[in-house]
Structures are given as structure tokens and as C-alpha cells.
Amino acid sequence: MVDDIVPVVTGAVTDIIDDISPLVTLLNGVVSLRGNVQPDNGPVYSQEAFVLTVGDLLGAGGVGTIVLAHAQVGPNSVAEYEPELDASSPVVAGGETLVNSSGWPPNTDVDLQLTDENGDPVGDPITVTTDGEGNIPRTRP
């Protein structure tokens, strides 16, 4: 019985596909839905989840394209900072030194550590916050 039904069903499905094939071809020229589209944007990586394109029935060109989801990532420009620091030396124990420093990222905490002639730390580090131009202010913390 199965051997008799399979050719009948296959023939019917083939007839249906043959009948609607011109309509499907026409619709492919009018409406297109693509998933996982990765356009070539040079160094910027783009990912479009679904792109729906609608054309006209005469095939004269697209009417419009709708991007249903889009994500993009590219190289970030990173500012390079070159801090400069100048302090009077030597400093007598318990004395003060004037520190001038610039070139830091703006509004950033910077730890300053005094060292002896061998490079060993003297006392605890002092945290100062740079101003809006990346300079260490002249006030004492």
C-alpha cells in the first residue's frame, strides 16, 4: 500500500511546485529576507541580523531596504599620554618638595611615591587627582 501512495504524493507535490515556481521566482525579485549579513566596511566589523529588501513588481529596482537588527564594532582611537614629572631633589627628611607634572589623562587619580637614592620607597604614596587638562594641581593633597 505504501508503495502505491508514495508515487501519487510525489507526483502531486511536484505538480504543486511546478505550478507555483513562477510565482516564487517573481516574489524572490520583489521581497528578500536575508539573515546574518556581514557587509564589507573595511576595518569596521558590521553584523546585520536580518535585512528585508522590497523591490517593485517590474524589476526596475528596489523600493527599499529595512535592516531589522544591526551591530557594529571598529577600532577605537586611544589617546596616548606621556606624563612628565619634575620634583626638587634632594629633599631633607620631613621637608617639602615642589612637584610639577603634566601629560596625564584628565581627572584621573595618580599615585606619587617618593624614593631614596636607591629607588626604595620613602613613606606612603600620595594620591592626587589631575585637573581637566591632565596636570597635577599645585595644591597639597
Foldseek 3Di string as FASTA:
>chain_A
DVVVVVVVVVVVVVVVCVVCVVVVVLVVLAWDKDAFDWDDPDQKTKTQGIKIWGDDSVSPDTPDIDGPDMDMDGDDDDDDFDKDKDWDDDAPVVGDIFIWMFRAAAQDKDWAFDADPVRHTDDGTDIATHHRRGIGDRDDD
